[in-house]
Amino acid sequence: MKNTDRKLDPLSDEFASEDDASEFWDTHSITDYEDFLEPVDLEIDLKRRHFEIEVDEETFFALRAIATKHRKPVKQVASEILKGKLEVA
């Protein structure tokens, strides 16, 4: 239930920057500003999906060492290794 007794900070029609918007929403709840929300039509076309896979600590450290050596993100190295193993499976 919304607390209507409390005074809300004014909501800007447009923030000066993404940082300003982020700073505002880091300290305010969207639920306090529901009266300002407007429905929008939105179409999303996801081209790529991301999944989490649990690995043990030793495996993660090995992946991180390889990633550092090749100057790539850990997730990219893990994906490349999995793809390679799946091609021969």
C-alpha atoms as a PDB file:
ATOM      1  CA  MET A   1       0.000   0.000   0.000  1.00  0.00           C
ATOM      2  CA  LYS A   2       1.324   3.404  -0.993  1.00  0.00           C
ATOM      3  CA  ASN A   3       2.076   5.939   1.693  1.00  0.00           C
ATOM      4  CA  THR A   4       0.236   9.040   0.445  1.00  0.00           C
ATOM      5  CA  ASP A   5       1.231  11.180   3.439  1.00  0.00           C
ATOM      6  CA  ARG A   6       4.831  11.426   2.422  1.00  0.00           C
ATOM      7  CA  LYS A   7       6.058  14.122   0.019  1.00  0.00           C
ATOM      8  CA  LEU A   8       7.655  12.771  -3.152  1.00  0.00           C
ATOM      9  CA  ASP A   9      10.578  14.349  -4.919  1.00  0.00           C
ATOM     10  CA  PRO A  10       9.454  15.790  -8.248  1.00  0.00           C
ATOM     11  CA  LEU A  11       9.843  13.498 -11.229  1.00  0.00           C
ATOM     12  CA  SER A  12      11.593  15.127 -14.154  1.00  0.00           C
ATOM     13  CA  ASP A  13      10.026  14.861 -17.613  1.00  0.00           C
ATOM     14  CA  GLU A  14      13.513  14.253 -18.936  1.00  0.00           C
ATOM     15  CA  PHE A  15      16.779  13.602 -17.118  1.00  0.00           C
ATOM     16  CA  ALA A  16      19.904  15.464 -18.221  1.00  0.00           C
ATOM     17  CA  SER A  17      21.827  12.201 -18.572  1.00  0.00           C
ATOM     18  CA  GLU A  18      21.595   8.467 -17.987  1.00  0.00           C
ATOM     19  CA  ASP A  19      23.729   8.974 -14.889  1.00  0.00           C
ATOM     20  CA  ASP A  20      21.203  11.461 -13.488  1.00  0.00           C
ATOM     21  CA  ALA A  21      18.344   9.050 -14.161  1.00  0.00           C
ATOM     22  CA  SER A  22      20.278   6.188 -12.622  1.00  0.00           C
ATOM     23  CA  GLU A  23      21.127   8.233  -9.531  1.00  0.00           C
ATOM     24  CA  PHE A  24      17.472   9.212  -9.107  1.00  0.00           C
ATOM     25  CA  TRP A  25      16.126   5.653  -9.435  1.00  0.00           C
ATOM     26  CA  ASP A  26      18.861   4.274  -7.172  1.00  0.00           C
ATOM     27  CA  THR A  27      17.309   6.281  -4.356  1.00  0.00           C
ATOM     28  CA  HIS A  28      13.609   6.217  -5.300  1.00  0.00           C
ATOM     29  CA  SER A  29      11.023   3.482  -5.826  1.00  0.00           C
ATOM     30  CA  ILE A  30       9.048   3.228  -9.050  1.00  0.00           C
ATOM     31  CA  THR A  31       6.047   2.169  -6.965  1.00  0.00           C
ATOM     32  CA  ASP A  32       5.899   5.686  -5.504  1.00  0.00           C
ATOM     33  CA  TYR A  33       5.502   7.110  -9.017  1.00  0.00           C
ATOM     34  CA  GLU A  34       2.883   4.744 -10.469  1.00  0.00           C
ATOM     35  CA  ASP A  35       0.563   7.658 -11.259  1.00  0.00           C
ATOM     36  CA  PHE A  36       3.154   8.946 -13.733  1.00  0.00           C
ATOM     37  CA  LEU A  37       3.550   5.666 -15.638  1.00  0.00           C
ATOM     38  CA  GLU A  38       2.046   5.315 -19.095  1.00  0.00           C
ATOM     39  CA  PRO A  39       1.498   2.107 -21.049  1.00  0.00           C
ATOM     40  CA  VAL A  40       3.595   1.662 -24.175  1.00  0.00           C
ATOM     41  CA  ASP A  41       3.532  -0.738 -27.094  1.00  0.00           C
ATOM     42  CA  LEU A  42       6.832  -2.513 -27.198  1.00  0.00           C
ATOM     43  CA  GLU A  43       8.170  -5.159 -29.523  1.00  0.00           C
ATOM     44  CA  ILE A  44      11.231  -7.106 -28.493  1.00  0.00           C
ATOM     45  CA  ASP A  45      13.168  -9.324 -30.834  1.00  0.00           C
ATOM     46  CA  LEU A  46      15.739 -11.251 -28.848  1.00  0.00           C
ATOM     47  CA  LYS A  47      18.514 -12.508 -31.057  1.00  0.00           C
ATOM     48  CA  ARG A  48      20.626 -14.080 -28.362  1.00  0.00           C
ATOM     49  CA  ARG A  49      19.951 -15.713 -25.028  1.00  0.00           C
ATOM     50  CA  HIS A  50      22.307 -16.082 -22.100  1.00  0.00           C
ATOM     51  CA  PHE A  51      22.319 -18.942 -19.631  1.00  0.00           C
ATOM     52  CA  GLU A  52      24.079 -19.542 -16.342  1.00  0.00           C
ATOM     53  CA  ILE A  53      26.016 -22.748 -15.774  1.00  0.00           C
ATOM     54  CA  GLU A  54      27.472 -23.544 -12.382  1.00  0.00           C
ATOM     55  CA  VAL A  55      31.134 -24.514 -12.362  1.00  0.00           C
ATOM     56  CA  ASP A  56      33.366 -25.395  -9.465  1.00  0.00           C
ATOM     57  CA  GLU A  57      35.953 -22.933  -8.230  1.00  0.00           C
ATOM     58  CA  GLU A  58      38.890 -24.770  -9.794  1.00  0.00           C
ATOM     59  CA  THR A  59      37.228 -24.714 -13.224  1.00  0.00           C
ATOM     60  CA  PHE A  60      36.428 -21.021 -12.920  1.00  0.00           C
ATOM     61  CA  PHE A  61      40.027 -20.171 -12.007  1.00  0.00           C
ATOM     62  CA  ALA A  62      41.259 -22.216 -14.992  1.00  0.00           C
ATOM     63  CA  LEU A  63      38.833 -20.384 -17.306  1.00  0.00           C
ATOM     64  CA  ARG A  64      39.925 -17.041 -15.888  1.00  0.00           C
ATOM     65  CA  ALA A  65      43.599 -17.869 -16.435  1.00  0.00           C
ATOM     66  CA  ILE A  66      42.929 -18.804 -20.072  1.00  0.00           C
ATOM     67  CA  ALA A  67      40.814 -15.689 -20.569  1.00  0.00           C
ATOM     68  CA  THR A  68      43.556 -13.493 -19.141  1.00  0.00           C
ATOM     69  CA  LYS A  69      46.180 -15.145 -21.318  1.00  0.00           C
ATOM     70  CA  HIS A  70      44.091 -14.595 -24.466  1.00  0.00           C
ATOM     71  CA  ARG A  71      42.742 -11.199 -23.349  1.00  0.00           C
ATOM     72  CA  LYS A  72      39.124 -12.304 -23.664  1.00  0.00           C
ATOM     73  CA  PRO A  73      36.178 -12.252 -21.260  1.00  0.00           C
ATOM     74  CA  VAL A  74      35.727 -15.439 -19.211  1.00  0.00           C
ATOM     75  CA  LYS A  75      32.226 -15.982 -20.643  1.00  0.00           C
ATOM     76  CA  GLN A  76      33.615 -15.886 -24.196  1.00  0.00           C
ATOM     77  CA  VAL A  77      36.330 -18.441 -23.392  1.00  0.00           C
ATOM     78  CA  ALA A  78      33.809 -20.724 -21.670  1.00  0.00           C
ATOM     79  CA  SER A  79      31.452 -20.481 -24.639  1.00  0.00           C
ATOM     80  CA  GLU A  80      34.234 -21.216 -27.143  1.00  0.00           C
ATOM     81  CA  ILE A  81      35.379 -24.275 -25.176  1.00  0.00           C
ATOM     82  CA  LEU A  82      31.820 -25.600 -24.874  1.00  0.00           C
ATOM     83  CA  LYS A  83      31.145 -25.080 -28.582  1.00  0.00           C
ATOM     84  CA  GLY A  84      34.356 -26.912 -29.482  1.00  0.00           C
ATOM     85  CA  LYS A  85      33.525 -29.844 -27.219  1.00  0.00           C
ATOM     86  CA  LEU A  86      29.959 -30.043 -28.540  1.00  0.00           C
ATOM     87  CA  GLU A  87      31.129 -30.133 -32.158  1.00  0.00           C
ATOM     88  CA  VAL A  88      33.082 -33.326 -31.530  1.00  0.00           C
ATOM     89  CA  ALA A  89      30.505 -34.934 -29.238  1.00  0.00           C
END
